[in-house]
N, C-alpha and C. Protein backbone atom coordinates (compact mmCIF):
# COMPACT_ATOMS: atom_id res chain seq x y z
N MET A 1 0.93 -1.13 0.05
CA MET A 1 -0.09 -0.11 0.02
C MET A 1 0.82 1.28 -0.20
N ASN A 2 0.47 2.40 -0.70
CA ASN A 2 1.18 3.53 -0.77
C ASN A 2 1.12 4.12 0.50
N SER A 3 2.37 4.47 0.91
CA SER A 3 2.49 4.92 2.39
C SER A 3 1.59 6.32 2.63
N ARG A 4 1.69 6.92 1.38
CA ARG A 4 0.81 8.31 1.37
C ARG A 4 -0.58 8.27 1.71
N VAL A 5 -1.10 7.01 1.07
CA VAL A 5 -2.44 6.66 1.28
C VAL A 5 -2.82 6.30 2.86
N PHE A 6 -1.90 5.74 3.14
CA PHE A 6 -1.99 5.22 4.80
C PHE A 6 -1.97 6.42 5.63
N ASN A 7 -1.11 7.30 5.27
CA ASN A 7 -0.87 8.43 6.07
C ASN A 7 -2.09 9.52 6.04
N ALA A 8 -2.61 9.60 4.85
CA ALA A 8 -3.86 10.23 4.55
C ALA A 8 -5.26 9.85 5.58
N ALA A 9 -5.18 8.34 5.60
CA ALA A 9 -6.12 7.76 6.29
C ALA A 9 -5.95 8.09 7.89
N MET A 10 -4.49 8.16 8.19
CA MET A 10 -4.29 8.33 9.61
C MET A 10 -4.54 9.79 9.88
N LEU A 11 -4.39 10.77 9.01
CA LEU A 11 -4.84 12.11 9.12
C LEU A 11 -6.25 12.29 9.42
N ASP A 12 -7.06 11.37 8.64
CA ASP A 12 -8.45 11.49 9.15
C ASP A 12 -8.88 10.98 10.50
N PHE A 13 -8.11 9.80 10.84
CA PHE A 13 -8.37 9.26 12.11
C PHE A 13 -8.34 10.39 13.24
N ARG A 14 -6.89 11.17 13.13
CA ARG A 14 -6.74 12.08 14.01
C ARG A 14 -7.59 13.29 14.09
N ALA A 15 -8.07 13.66 12.86
CA ALA A 15 -9.15 14.69 12.67
C ALA A 15 -10.28 14.36 13.55
N SER A 16 -10.62 12.83 13.46
CA SER A 16 -11.91 12.47 13.88
C SER A 16 -11.84 12.23 15.43
N LYS A 17 -10.61 12.61 15.99
CA LYS A 17 -10.62 12.57 17.40
C LYS A 17 -11.57 13.41 18.33
N SER A 18 -11.86 14.46 17.52
CA SER A 18 -12.62 15.55 18.31
C SER A 18 -14.22 14.96 18.35
N SER A 19 -14.50 14.11 17.43
CA SER A 19 -15.90 13.62 17.44
C SER A 19 -15.89 12.28 18.24
N MET A 20 -14.87 11.91 18.73
CA MET A 20 -14.85 10.49 19.49
C MET A 20 -15.88 10.35 20.63
N ARG A 21 -16.44 11.29 21.19
CA ARG A 21 -17.56 11.28 22.17
C ARG A 21 -18.63 10.76 21.47
N ASN A 22 -19.08 11.36 20.20
CA ASN A 22 -20.36 11.03 19.40
C ASN A 22 -20.20 9.50 18.97
N ILE A 23 -19.02 9.35 18.52
CA ILE A 23 -18.86 7.80 17.95
C ILE A 23 -19.15 6.92 19.08
N VAL A 24 -18.54 6.97 20.17
CA VAL A 24 -18.72 6.23 21.34
C VAL A 24 -20.17 6.16 21.66
N ILE A 25 -20.99 7.29 21.61
CA ILE A 25 -22.33 7.21 22.04
C ILE A 25 -22.85 6.27 20.95
N MET A 26 -22.56 6.47 19.71
CA MET A 26 -23.43 5.58 18.84
C MET A 26 -23.10 4.22 18.71
N TYR A 27 -21.87 3.52 19.46
CA TYR A 27 -21.74 2.22 19.76
C TYR A 27 -22.48 1.82 21.19
N VAL A 28 -22.64 2.66 21.83
CA VAL A 28 -23.44 2.43 23.07
C VAL A 28 -24.84 2.37 23.05
N ILE A 29 -25.45 3.19 22.05
CA ILE A 29 -27.00 3.09 21.91
C ILE A 29 -27.47 1.70 21.50
N PRO A 30 -26.98 1.02 20.43
CA PRO A 30 -27.39 -0.35 20.06
C PRO A 30 -27.40 -1.30 21.17
N ILE A 31 -26.39 -1.26 22.03
CA ILE A 31 -26.10 -2.00 23.34
C ILE A 31 -27.36 -1.92 24.05
N ILE A 32 -27.61 -0.76 24.38
CA ILE A 32 -28.92 -0.37 25.38
C ILE A 32 -30.22 -0.79 24.76
N ILE A 33 -30.26 -0.70 23.37
CA ILE A 33 -31.63 -1.11 22.75
C ILE A 33 -31.58 -2.56 22.85
N GLY A 34 -30.51 -3.01 22.41
CA GLY A 34 -30.49 -4.60 22.24
C GLY A 34 -30.83 -5.33 23.65
N LEU A 35 -30.21 -4.68 24.82
CA LEU A 35 -30.62 -5.41 25.95
C LEU A 35 -31.89 -5.16 26.52
N ALA A 36 -32.48 -3.84 26.20
CA ALA A 36 -33.79 -3.47 26.55
C ALA A 36 -34.92 -4.18 25.89
N ALA A 37 -34.66 -4.30 24.64
CA ALA A 37 -35.67 -5.27 23.75
C ALA A 37 -35.37 -6.60 23.89
N LYS A 38 -34.32 -7.04 24.25
CA LYS A 38 -33.75 -8.71 24.27
C LYS A 38 -33.84 -9.10 23.01
N ILE A 39 -33.30 -8.26 22.07
CA ILE A 39 -33.19 -8.72 20.66
C ILE A 39 -31.58 -8.44 20.09
N PRO A 40 -30.68 -9.50 20.47
CA PRO A 40 -29.10 -9.39 19.86
C PRO A 40 -29.15 -8.92 18.61
N GLU A 41 -29.78 -9.44 17.74
CA GLU A 41 -29.85 -9.24 16.21
C GLU A 41 -30.03 -7.69 15.95
N PHE A 42 -30.77 -7.09 16.85
CA PHE A 42 -31.12 -5.55 16.50
C PHE A 42 -29.80 -4.73 16.85
N THR A 43 -29.10 -5.16 17.92
CA THR A 43 -27.81 -4.49 18.20
C THR A 43 -26.83 -4.78 17.10
N LEU A 44 -26.70 -5.84 16.42
CA LEU A 44 -25.81 -6.21 15.32
C LEU A 44 -26.15 -5.20 14.13
N ALA A 45 -27.51 -5.19 13.82
CA ALA A 45 -27.80 -4.46 12.74
C ALA A 45 -27.66 -2.85 12.93
N LEU A 46 -28.16 -2.50 14.00
CA LEU A 46 -28.08 -0.90 14.55
C LEU A 46 -26.58 -0.31 14.69
N THR A 47 -25.82 -1.36 15.06
CA THR A 47 -24.39 -0.93 15.28
C THR A 47 -23.55 -0.67 13.89
N MET A 48 -24.13 -1.50 12.78
CA MET A 48 -23.58 -1.27 11.68
C MET A 48 -24.21 -0.02 10.99
N VAL A 49 -25.43 0.27 11.12
CA VAL A 49 -26.35 1.26 10.57
C VAL A 49 -25.62 2.68 10.97
N LEU A 50 -25.36 2.63 12.35
CA LEU A 50 -25.04 3.97 12.94
C LEU A 50 -23.53 4.37 12.66
N SER A 51 -22.87 3.22 12.29
CA SER A 51 -21.27 3.43 12.07
C SER A 51 -21.32 4.20 10.76
N VAL A 52 -22.23 4.22 9.89
CA VAL A 52 -22.18 5.01 8.66
C VAL A 52 -22.26 6.65 9.11
N PHE A 53 -22.61 6.92 10.28
CA PHE A 53 -22.65 8.25 10.72
C PHE A 53 -21.05 8.59 11.27
N ALA A 54 -20.66 7.38 11.97
CA ALA A 54 -19.22 7.53 12.32
C ALA A 54 -18.29 7.70 11.24
N GLY A 55 -18.48 6.99 10.08
CA GLY A 55 -17.60 6.97 8.89
C GLY A 55 -17.78 8.58 8.31
N GLY A 56 -18.92 9.17 8.45
CA GLY A 56 -19.23 10.65 7.83
C GLY A 56 -18.71 11.85 8.56
N TYR A 57 -18.34 11.36 9.93
CA TYR A 57 -17.98 12.61 10.69
C TYR A 57 -16.62 13.20 10.15
N VAL A 58 -15.92 12.57 9.72
CA VAL A 58 -14.54 13.22 9.25
C VAL A 58 -14.80 14.21 8.13
N PHE A 59 -15.87 14.07 7.43
CA PHE A 59 -16.28 15.44 6.46
C PHE A 59 -16.42 16.48 7.25
N SER A 60 -17.23 16.21 8.15
CA SER A 60 -17.89 17.36 9.02
C SER A 60 -16.69 18.09 9.66
N VAL A 61 -15.65 17.39 10.31
CA VAL A 61 -14.61 17.89 10.95
C VAL A 61 -13.85 18.77 9.97
N HIS A 62 -13.37 18.04 8.72
CA HIS A 62 -12.69 18.80 7.93
C HIS A 62 -13.24 20.01 7.54
N GLU A 63 -14.55 20.06 7.02
CA GLU A 63 -15.12 21.08 6.70
C GLU A 63 -15.32 22.36 7.65
N LYS A 64 -15.57 22.00 8.91
CA LYS A 64 -15.55 22.95 9.95
C LYS A 64 -14.16 23.84 10.22
N SER A 65 -12.92 22.90 10.26
CA SER A 65 -11.71 23.28 10.42
C SER A 65 -11.14 23.95 9.02
N ASN A 66 -11.77 23.75 8.09
CA ASN A 66 -11.51 24.14 6.57
C ASN A 66 -10.03 23.56 6.29
N SER A 67 -9.91 22.29 6.88
CA SER A 67 -8.51 21.53 6.62
C SER A 67 -8.49 21.04 5.00
N GLU A 68 -9.71 21.09 4.37
CA GLU A 68 -9.53 20.65 3.14
C GLU A 68 -8.56 21.40 2.35
N LYS A 69 -7.91 22.52 2.66
CA LYS A 69 -7.03 23.46 1.91
C LYS A 69 -5.84 22.74 2.28
N LEU A 70 -5.80 22.08 3.44
CA LEU A 70 -4.34 21.30 3.61
C LEU A 70 -3.83 20.34 2.81
N TYR A 71 -4.83 19.52 2.19
CA TYR A 71 -4.51 18.64 1.23
C TYR A 71 -3.97 19.27 -0.01
N GLY A 72 -4.22 20.39 -0.08
CA GLY A 72 -3.77 21.28 -1.33
C GLY A 72 -2.22 21.68 -1.29
N ILE A 73 -1.81 21.65 -0.24
CA ILE A 73 -0.22 22.09 0.11
C ILE A 73 0.45 20.83 0.50
N LEU A 74 -0.06 19.70 0.73
CA LEU A 74 0.61 18.46 1.13
C LEU A 74 0.94 17.68 -0.07
N PRO A 75 2.16 17.08 0.00
CA PRO A 75 2.55 16.18 -1.09
C PRO A 75 1.66 14.88 -1.41
N LEU A 76 0.43 15.22 -1.66
CA LEU A 76 -0.64 14.27 -1.85
C LEU A 76 -1.51 14.36 -3.05
N LYS A 77 -1.40 13.42 -3.76
CA LYS A 77 -2.35 13.54 -4.91
C LYS A 77 -3.69 13.56 -4.46
N LYS A 78 -4.65 14.08 -5.34
CA LYS A 78 -6.10 13.88 -4.99
C LYS A 78 -6.56 12.45 -4.78
N SER A 79 -6.05 11.72 -6.03
CA SER A 79 -6.44 10.15 -5.80
C SER A 79 -5.99 9.38 -4.59
N GLU A 80 -5.03 9.87 -4.03
CA GLU A 80 -4.48 9.60 -3.00
C GLU A 80 -5.27 9.91 -1.61
N MET A 81 -5.63 11.07 -1.63
CA MET A 81 -6.51 11.53 -0.64
C MET A 81 -7.93 10.70 -0.69
N ILE A 82 -8.14 10.46 -1.84
CA ILE A 82 -9.61 9.73 -1.78
C ILE A 82 -9.36 8.40 -1.36
N MET A 83 -8.37 7.66 -1.79
CA MET A 83 -7.82 6.37 -1.49
C MET A 83 -7.86 6.37 0.27
N GLY A 84 -7.13 7.38 0.62
CA GLY A 84 -6.91 7.36 2.18
C GLY A 84 -8.39 7.49 2.91
N ARG A 85 -9.42 8.30 2.30
CA ARG A 85 -10.65 8.59 3.00
C ARG A 85 -11.52 7.29 2.96
N TYR A 86 -11.03 6.45 1.95
CA TYR A 86 -11.91 5.26 1.67
C TYR A 86 -11.28 4.29 2.65
N LEU A 87 -9.92 4.25 2.80
CA LEU A 87 -9.26 3.19 3.78
C LEU A 87 -9.73 3.65 5.39
N TYR A 88 -9.99 4.71 5.48
CA TYR A 88 -10.62 5.13 6.82
C TYR A 88 -11.98 4.49 6.90
N ALA A 89 -12.90 4.78 5.99
CA ALA A 89 -14.15 3.96 6.01
C ALA A 89 -14.09 2.56 6.07
N LEU A 90 -13.10 1.95 5.33
CA LEU A 90 -13.06 0.53 5.50
C LEU A 90 -12.54 0.01 6.70
N ILE A 91 -11.74 0.76 7.61
CA ILE A 91 -11.26 0.44 8.81
C ILE A 91 -12.27 0.75 10.01
N ILE A 92 -13.02 1.68 9.67
CA ILE A 92 -14.33 1.93 10.57
C ILE A 92 -15.27 0.84 10.43
N GLY A 93 -15.58 0.35 9.21
CA GLY A 93 -16.36 -0.60 8.71
C GLY A 93 -16.09 -1.95 9.58
N ILE A 94 -14.70 -2.50 9.49
CA ILE A 94 -14.37 -3.53 9.97
C ILE A 94 -14.24 -3.49 11.45
N ILE A 95 -14.00 -2.45 12.10
CA ILE A 95 -13.95 -2.30 13.52
C ILE A 95 -15.30 -2.33 13.98
N SER A 96 -16.19 -1.70 13.22
CA SER A 96 -17.46 -1.77 13.71
C SER A 96 -18.37 -3.14 13.61
N ALA A 97 -17.90 -3.82 12.50
CA ALA A 97 -18.40 -5.16 12.30
C ALA A 97 -17.98 -6.20 13.41
N ALA A 98 -16.81 -5.92 13.70
CA ALA A 98 -16.07 -6.84 15.07
C ALA A 98 -16.87 -6.42 16.27
N LEU A 99 -16.99 -5.19 16.51
CA LEU A 99 -17.76 -4.74 17.63
C LEU A 99 -19.10 -5.26 17.80
N ALA A 100 -19.68 -5.16 16.56
CA ALA A 100 -21.21 -5.75 16.59
C ALA A 100 -21.25 -7.17 16.89
N ILE A 101 -20.44 -7.92 16.29
CA ILE A 101 -20.48 -9.36 16.55
C ILE A 101 -20.13 -9.45 18.02
N VAL A 102 -19.33 -8.72 18.63
CA VAL A 102 -18.99 -8.99 20.08
C VAL A 102 -20.15 -8.59 20.94
N PHE A 103 -20.70 -7.34 20.66
CA PHE A 103 -21.79 -6.94 21.20
C PHE A 103 -23.09 -7.93 21.50
N THR A 104 -23.27 -8.41 20.03
CA THR A 104 -24.24 -9.50 20.03
C THR A 104 -24.13 -10.86 20.86
N LEU A 105 -22.90 -11.04 20.83
CA LEU A 105 -22.36 -12.35 21.56
C LEU A 105 -22.61 -12.09 23.04
N VAL A 106 -22.11 -11.05 23.40
CA VAL A 106 -22.21 -10.85 25.06
C VAL A 106 -23.80 -10.63 25.31
N ILE A 107 -24.34 -9.90 24.64
CA ILE A 107 -25.82 -9.61 24.95
C ILE A 107 -26.50 -10.93 24.98
N SER A 108 -26.29 -11.81 23.96
CA SER A 108 -26.92 -13.19 23.95
C SER A 108 -26.41 -13.86 25.11
N LYS A 109 -25.26 -13.77 25.53
CA LYS A 109 -25.04 -14.39 26.94
C LYS A 109 -25.58 -13.68 28.12
N ILE A 110 -25.70 -12.44 28.30
CA ILE A 110 -26.19 -11.96 29.29
C ILE A 110 -27.68 -12.28 29.51
N ILE A 111 -28.74 -12.13 28.53
CA ILE A 111 -29.88 -12.46 28.67
C ILE A 111 -30.22 -13.87 28.37
N ASN A 112 -29.15 -14.86 28.26
CA ASN A 112 -29.46 -16.23 28.12
C ASN A 112 -30.49 -16.53 26.69
N TYR A 113 -29.81 -15.74 25.73
CA TYR A 113 -30.60 -15.88 24.65
C TYR A 113 -30.15 -16.85 23.57
N GLU A 114 -30.78 -17.69 23.09
CA GLU A 114 -30.30 -18.91 22.14
C GLU A 114 -30.66 -18.37 20.84
N TYR A 115 -29.49 -17.74 20.00
CA TYR A 115 -29.62 -17.22 18.80
C TYR A 115 -29.59 -18.29 17.59
N ASP A 116 -30.22 -18.00 16.41
CA ASP A 116 -30.10 -18.95 15.49
C ASP A 116 -29.03 -18.56 14.49
N THR A 117 -28.17 -19.42 14.12
CA THR A 117 -27.03 -18.91 13.30
C THR A 117 -27.46 -18.43 11.95
N PHE A 118 -28.24 -19.07 11.33
CA PHE A 118 -28.69 -18.34 10.11
C PHE A 118 -29.21 -16.95 10.19
N THR A 119 -29.85 -16.53 11.21
CA THR A 119 -30.44 -15.31 11.31
C THR A 119 -29.24 -14.33 11.67
N ILE A 120 -28.35 -14.74 12.62
CA ILE A 120 -27.11 -13.94 12.90
C ILE A 120 -26.11 -13.66 11.82
N LEU A 121 -26.10 -14.67 10.86
CA LEU A 121 -25.17 -14.66 9.69
C LEU A 121 -25.84 -13.65 8.63
N GLY A 122 -27.23 -13.72 8.61
CA GLY A 122 -27.94 -12.97 7.57
C GLY A 122 -28.19 -11.57 7.96
N VAL A 123 -28.17 -11.42 9.09
CA VAL A 123 -28.21 -9.86 9.71
C VAL A 123 -26.94 -9.38 9.58
N PHE A 124 -25.91 -10.21 10.02
CA PHE A 124 -24.40 -9.51 9.65
C PHE A 124 -24.05 -9.27 8.26
N ALA A 125 -24.44 -10.11 7.36
CA ALA A 125 -24.10 -10.00 6.01
C ALA A 125 -24.91 -8.80 5.49
N LEU A 126 -26.25 -8.31 5.73
CA LEU A 126 -27.02 -7.46 5.37
C LEU A 126 -26.62 -6.05 5.83
N ALA A 127 -26.17 -6.15 7.12
CA ALA A 127 -25.71 -4.95 7.89
C ALA A 127 -24.42 -4.58 7.17
N PHE A 128 -23.48 -5.46 7.04
CA PHE A 128 -22.17 -5.18 6.51
C PHE A 128 -22.31 -4.46 5.26
N ALA A 129 -22.95 -5.12 4.29
CA ALA A 129 -23.16 -4.75 2.85
C ALA A 129 -23.82 -3.31 3.05
N TYR A 130 -24.83 -3.24 4.00
CA TYR A 130 -25.49 -1.76 4.00
C TYR A 130 -24.45 -0.70 4.24
N TYR A 131 -23.75 -0.91 5.07
CA TYR A 131 -22.61 -0.01 5.58
C TYR A 131 -21.76 0.68 4.36
N PHE A 132 -21.40 -0.43 3.44
CA PHE A 132 -20.42 0.17 2.32
C PHE A 132 -21.41 0.70 1.23
N PHE A 133 -22.76 0.13 1.21
CA PHE A 133 -23.54 0.64 0.25
C PHE A 133 -23.93 2.15 0.64
N ALA A 134 -24.28 2.52 2.02
CA ALA A 134 -24.36 3.89 2.35
C ALA A 134 -23.27 4.69 2.38
N VAL A 135 -22.02 4.32 2.68
CA VAL A 135 -20.86 4.95 2.68
C VAL A 135 -20.64 5.23 1.15
N GLY A 136 -20.85 4.29 0.34
CA GLY A 136 -20.73 4.39 -1.21
C GLY A 136 -21.54 5.47 -1.63
N ILE A 137 -22.52 5.70 -1.23
CA ILE A 137 -23.60 6.88 -1.67
C ILE A 137 -23.15 8.11 -1.24
N ALA A 138 -22.93 8.08 0.17
CA ALA A 138 -22.70 9.55 0.73
C ALA A 138 -21.40 9.88 0.44
N TYR A 139 -20.11 9.23 0.49
CA TYR A 139 -18.88 9.94 0.15
C TYR A 139 -18.84 10.80 -1.13
N PRO A 140 -19.23 10.31 -2.02
CA PRO A 140 -19.13 11.09 -3.49
C PRO A 140 -20.13 12.27 -3.09
N ILE A 141 -21.33 12.23 -2.71
CA ILE A 141 -21.99 13.46 -2.44
C ILE A 141 -21.36 14.38 -1.60
N TYR A 142 -20.89 14.00 -0.50
CA TYR A 142 -20.15 14.89 0.48
C TYR A 142 -19.12 15.49 -0.37
N LEU A 143 -18.26 14.93 -1.10
CA LEU A 143 -17.07 15.32 -1.87
C LEU A 143 -17.48 16.51 -2.82
N LYS A 144 -18.67 15.96 -3.27
CA LYS A 144 -18.95 17.14 -4.62
C LYS A 144 -19.80 18.39 -3.93
N PHE A 145 -20.64 18.12 -2.86
CA PHE A 145 -21.32 19.27 -2.29
C PHE A 145 -21.00 19.85 -0.85
N GLY A 146 -20.13 19.01 -0.16
CA GLY A 146 -19.85 19.47 1.15
C GLY A 146 -20.87 18.72 1.97
N PHE A 147 -20.15 18.71 3.34
CA PHE A 147 -20.92 17.88 4.31
C PHE A 147 -22.28 18.55 4.68
N SER A 148 -22.04 19.94 5.15
CA SER A 148 -23.28 20.58 5.66
C SER A 148 -24.41 20.58 4.37
N LYS A 149 -24.09 20.67 3.42
CA LYS A 149 -25.24 21.12 2.29
C LYS A 149 -25.70 19.69 1.89
N SER A 150 -25.20 18.51 2.28
CA SER A 150 -25.60 17.28 1.78
C SER A 150 -26.00 16.31 2.53
N TYR A 151 -25.81 16.60 4.06
CA TYR A 151 -25.94 15.72 5.10
C TYR A 151 -27.33 15.18 5.18
N ILE A 152 -28.32 15.89 4.75
CA ILE A 152 -29.74 15.45 4.60
C ILE A 152 -29.89 14.18 3.70
N PHE A 153 -28.80 13.90 2.86
CA PHE A 153 -28.97 12.79 2.11
C PHE A 153 -28.47 11.30 2.71
N THR A 154 -28.07 11.84 4.07
CA THR A 154 -27.68 10.48 4.85
C THR A 154 -28.43 9.22 4.77
N MET A 155 -29.85 9.60 4.85
CA MET A 155 -30.86 8.48 4.84
C MET A 155 -31.21 7.99 3.58
N LEU A 156 -30.57 8.55 2.47
CA LEU A 156 -31.19 8.23 1.22
C LEU A 156 -30.75 6.49 0.80
N PRO A 157 -29.78 6.16 1.20
CA PRO A 157 -29.49 4.55 0.86
C PRO A 157 -30.66 3.75 1.48
N MET A 158 -31.30 4.22 2.67
CA MET A 158 -32.49 3.36 3.31
C MET A 158 -33.69 3.47 2.36
N TYR A 159 -33.81 4.80 1.81
CA TYR A 159 -34.86 5.07 0.97
C TYR A 159 -34.83 4.31 -0.33
N LEU A 160 -33.55 4.19 -0.97
CA LEU A 160 -33.30 3.68 -2.12
C LEU A 160 -33.44 1.96 -1.97
N ILE A 161 -33.16 1.50 -0.72
CA ILE A 161 -33.52 -0.03 -0.48
C ILE A 161 -34.92 -0.33 -0.26
N PHE A 162 -35.60 0.54 0.20
CA PHE A 162 -37.08 0.39 0.29
C PHE A 162 -37.68 0.38 -0.87
N LEU A 163 -37.23 1.38 -1.92
CA LEU A 163 -37.89 1.62 -3.20
C LEU A 163 -37.52 0.19 -4.03
N ALA A 164 -36.39 -0.08 -4.01
CA ALA A 164 -35.96 -1.24 -4.62
C ALA A 164 -36.72 -2.51 -4.35
N PHE A 165 -36.98 -2.60 -2.94
CA PHE A 165 -37.71 -3.84 -2.41
C PHE A 165 -39.15 -3.72 -2.81
N MET A 166 -39.76 -2.63 -2.99
CA MET A 166 -41.14 -2.56 -3.39
C MET A 166 -41.18 -2.87 -4.99
N LEU A 167 -40.36 -2.36 -5.61
CA LEU A 167 -40.08 -2.55 -6.96
C LEU A 167 -40.08 -4.09 -7.40
N ILE A 168 -39.14 -4.77 -6.65
CA ILE A 168 -39.12 -6.06 -6.76
C ILE A 168 -40.14 -7.10 -6.39
N THR A 169 -40.61 -6.66 -5.32
CA THR A 169 -42.21 -7.46 -4.91
C THR A 169 -43.12 -7.39 -6.00
N LYS A 170 -43.15 -6.14 -6.56
CA LYS A 170 -44.20 -6.11 -7.58
C LYS A 170 -43.91 -6.61 -8.95
N LYS A 171 -42.57 -6.57 -9.44
CA LYS A 171 -42.26 -6.87 -10.60
C LYS A 171 -41.92 -8.44 -10.69
N VAL A 172 -41.33 -9.02 -9.48
CA VAL A 172 -41.06 -10.43 -9.71
C VAL A 172 -42.29 -11.41 -9.31
N PRO A 173 -42.52 -12.09 -10.20
CA PRO A 173 -43.76 -13.14 -10.04
C PRO A 173 -43.43 -14.19 -8.86
N ASN A 174 -44.23 -14.45 -8.04
CA ASN A 174 -44.31 -15.46 -6.88
C ASN A 174 -42.95 -14.92 -6.09
N PHE A 175 -42.96 -13.78 -5.66
CA PHE A 175 -41.77 -13.34 -4.96
C PHE A 175 -41.55 -14.11 -3.77
N ALA A 176 -42.59 -14.26 -2.88
CA ALA A 176 -42.59 -15.09 -1.57
C ALA A 176 -41.96 -16.40 -1.88
N GLY A 177 -42.23 -17.29 -2.78
CA GLY A 177 -41.77 -18.39 -3.14
C GLY A 177 -40.34 -18.33 -3.67
N SER A 178 -39.91 -17.26 -4.41
CA SER A 178 -38.60 -17.19 -4.73
C SER A 178 -37.73 -16.84 -3.52
N LEU A 179 -38.24 -16.01 -2.53
CA LEU A 179 -37.40 -15.71 -1.30
C LEU A 179 -37.43 -16.83 -0.38
N GLN A 180 -38.22 -17.70 -0.64
CA GLN A 180 -38.37 -18.83 0.20
C GLN A 180 -37.00 -19.86 -0.05
N ASN A 181 -36.86 -20.05 -1.52
CA ASN A 181 -36.04 -20.61 -2.10
C ASN A 181 -34.70 -19.92 -2.00
N PHE A 182 -34.57 -18.83 -2.03
CA PHE A 182 -33.33 -17.93 -1.56
C PHE A 182 -32.92 -18.24 -0.23
N PHE A 183 -33.68 -18.31 0.54
CA PHE A 183 -33.42 -18.62 2.06
C PHE A 183 -32.84 -19.99 2.27
N GLY A 184 -33.62 -20.89 1.57
CA GLY A 184 -33.38 -22.41 1.55
C GLY A 184 -31.90 -22.48 1.30
N PHE A 185 -31.46 -21.88 -0.09
CA PHE A 185 -30.30 -22.27 -0.38
C PHE A 185 -29.23 -21.93 0.54
N PHE A 186 -29.47 -20.75 1.18
CA PHE A 186 -28.38 -20.16 2.18
C PHE A 186 -28.38 -21.03 3.46
N LYS A 187 -29.46 -21.50 3.72
CA LYS A 187 -29.53 -22.26 5.04
C LYS A 187 -28.78 -23.57 4.94
N ASP A 188 -28.70 -24.12 3.67
CA ASP A 188 -28.00 -25.35 3.35
C ASP A 188 -26.20 -24.73 3.11
N HIS A 189 -26.22 -23.59 2.89
CA HIS A 189 -24.69 -23.22 2.75
C HIS A 189 -24.48 -21.96 3.45
N LEU A 190 -24.44 -22.18 4.95
CA LEU A 190 -24.24 -21.00 5.92
C LEU A 190 -23.01 -20.15 5.63
N PRO A 191 -21.93 -20.72 5.30
CA PRO A 191 -20.65 -20.05 5.22
C PRO A 191 -20.55 -19.01 4.06
N LEU A 192 -21.51 -19.13 3.20
CA LEU A 192 -21.57 -18.48 1.88
C LEU A 192 -22.29 -16.98 2.46
N ILE A 193 -23.09 -17.15 3.48
CA ILE A 193 -23.71 -15.70 3.99
C ILE A 193 -22.71 -14.50 4.19
N PRO A 194 -21.84 -14.66 5.05
CA PRO A 194 -21.12 -13.63 5.46
C PRO A 194 -20.04 -13.40 4.24
N ILE A 195 -19.68 -14.44 3.47
CA ILE A 195 -18.85 -14.15 2.26
C ILE A 195 -19.72 -13.32 1.33
N CYS A 196 -20.77 -13.66 1.06
CA CYS A 196 -21.67 -12.93 0.09
C CYS A 196 -21.80 -11.25 0.67
N GLY A 197 -22.01 -11.05 1.95
CA GLY A 197 -22.23 -9.87 2.62
C GLY A 197 -20.83 -9.10 2.43
N VAL A 198 -19.76 -9.82 2.79
CA VAL A 198 -18.62 -8.87 2.74
C VAL A 198 -18.09 -8.66 1.20
N VAL A 199 -18.29 -9.45 0.30
CA VAL A 199 -17.84 -9.48 -1.13
C VAL A 199 -18.92 -8.19 -1.78
N LEU A 200 -20.29 -8.24 -1.41
CA LEU A 200 -20.91 -7.26 -1.84
C LEU A 200 -20.86 -5.81 -1.40
N GLY A 201 -20.41 -5.62 -0.13
CA GLY A 201 -20.10 -4.72 0.34
C GLY A 201 -18.79 -3.80 -0.05
N LEU A 202 -17.69 -4.89 -0.49
CA LEU A 202 -16.50 -4.14 -1.08
C LEU A 202 -16.73 -3.89 -2.47
N VAL A 203 -17.76 -4.51 -3.00
CA VAL A 203 -18.07 -4.20 -4.64
C VAL A 203 -18.65 -2.87 -4.58
N PHE A 204 -19.42 -2.38 -3.54
CA PHE A 204 -20.10 -1.12 -3.37
C PHE A 204 -18.74 -0.11 -3.12
N LEU A 205 -17.98 -0.64 -2.40
CA LEU A 205 -16.92 0.52 -1.99
C LEU A 205 -16.12 0.85 -3.05
N VAL A 206 -15.76 -0.28 -3.97
CA VAL A 206 -14.91 -0.29 -5.26
C VAL A 206 -15.54 0.75 -6.23
N ILE A 207 -16.97 0.57 -6.49
CA ILE A 207 -17.48 1.46 -7.42
C ILE A 207 -17.71 2.86 -6.67
N SER A 208 -17.76 2.91 -5.69
CA SER A 208 -18.01 4.44 -4.94
C SER A 208 -16.53 5.02 -5.24
N VAL A 209 -15.43 4.19 -4.81
CA VAL A 209 -14.00 4.88 -5.07
C VAL A 209 -14.03 5.55 -6.52
N ALA A 210 -14.35 4.74 -7.34
CA ALA A 210 -14.11 5.14 -8.72
C ALA A 210 -14.86 6.61 -9.09
N VAL A 211 -16.19 6.49 -8.62
CA VAL A 211 -17.04 7.60 -8.93
C VAL A 211 -16.53 8.86 -8.35
N ALA A 212 -16.12 8.63 -6.81
CA ALA A 212 -15.49 9.74 -5.98
C ALA A 212 -14.32 10.24 -6.66
N ASN A 213 -13.37 9.42 -7.29
CA ASN A 213 -12.11 9.95 -7.72
C ASN A 213 -12.57 10.78 -9.04
N LEU A 214 -13.42 10.48 -9.86
CA LEU A 214 -13.77 11.13 -11.02
C LEU A 214 -14.28 12.78 -10.45
N ILE A 215 -14.90 12.68 -9.41
CA ILE A 215 -15.60 14.03 -8.96
C ILE A 215 -14.35 14.72 -8.39
N TYR A 216 -13.58 14.26 -7.59
CA TYR A 216 -12.85 14.81 -6.74
C TYR A 216 -11.58 15.51 -7.62
N THR A 217 -11.06 14.67 -8.33
CA THR A 217 -9.90 15.06 -9.35
C THR A 217 -10.49 16.23 -10.23
N ARG A 218 -11.45 16.60 -10.22
CA ARG A 218 -12.04 17.59 -11.23
C ARG A 218 -12.65 18.75 -10.29
N LYS A 219 -12.45 18.80 -9.06
CA LYS A 219 -12.88 19.84 -8.22
C LYS A 219 -11.78 20.72 -7.64
N GLU A 220 -12.02 21.91 -7.69
CA GLU A 220 -11.01 22.95 -7.29
C GLU A 220 -10.90 22.96 -5.76
N ILE A 221 -9.66 22.83 -5.21
CA ILE A 221 -9.57 23.04 -3.63
C ILE A 221 -9.27 24.56 -3.43
């Protein structure tokens, strides 16, 4: 890995220290709700959903401090800055996924909850893919319009998923039967569930990197 890309990611982590309190709260909320509702799977999903906001805080910090100008004087290419920002998002995603799994297992132990492996793996796969799907949509928008002007679009990925689901249920004949066959296949091939979630998430990330690079390399700093 290019050391300058790594250094750009570390610069983002140092910049995000000022938002650490908010990030910690975002990880505590799913634990509290999961314990209160006695649904560990909810903690797993909510941890990944809220981590999208943690991944976006870096844009807010840089915008408030006007530190984007710093990238213009650093020996750093725009493409390297983009790769560093997405490396930051990738690390946040991996850390969040690890914490989400730990939180879920600990809560299950505390409340003596016997979870279903298929359900846990399915929720993990969907939540992991959603994180990178959401980041993949948000990052190019933030880069193009700035964080404060486009923060309202943070929930756009959820709306897109809901719209896609509604269209699929209407267009696909015997959707319920197809969904049952889909679940049946993965119940027989459990290891494929997290693999598919991770691969899908990384595909979203790669596509977003390409889009963000096109946007940012043409942007005047």
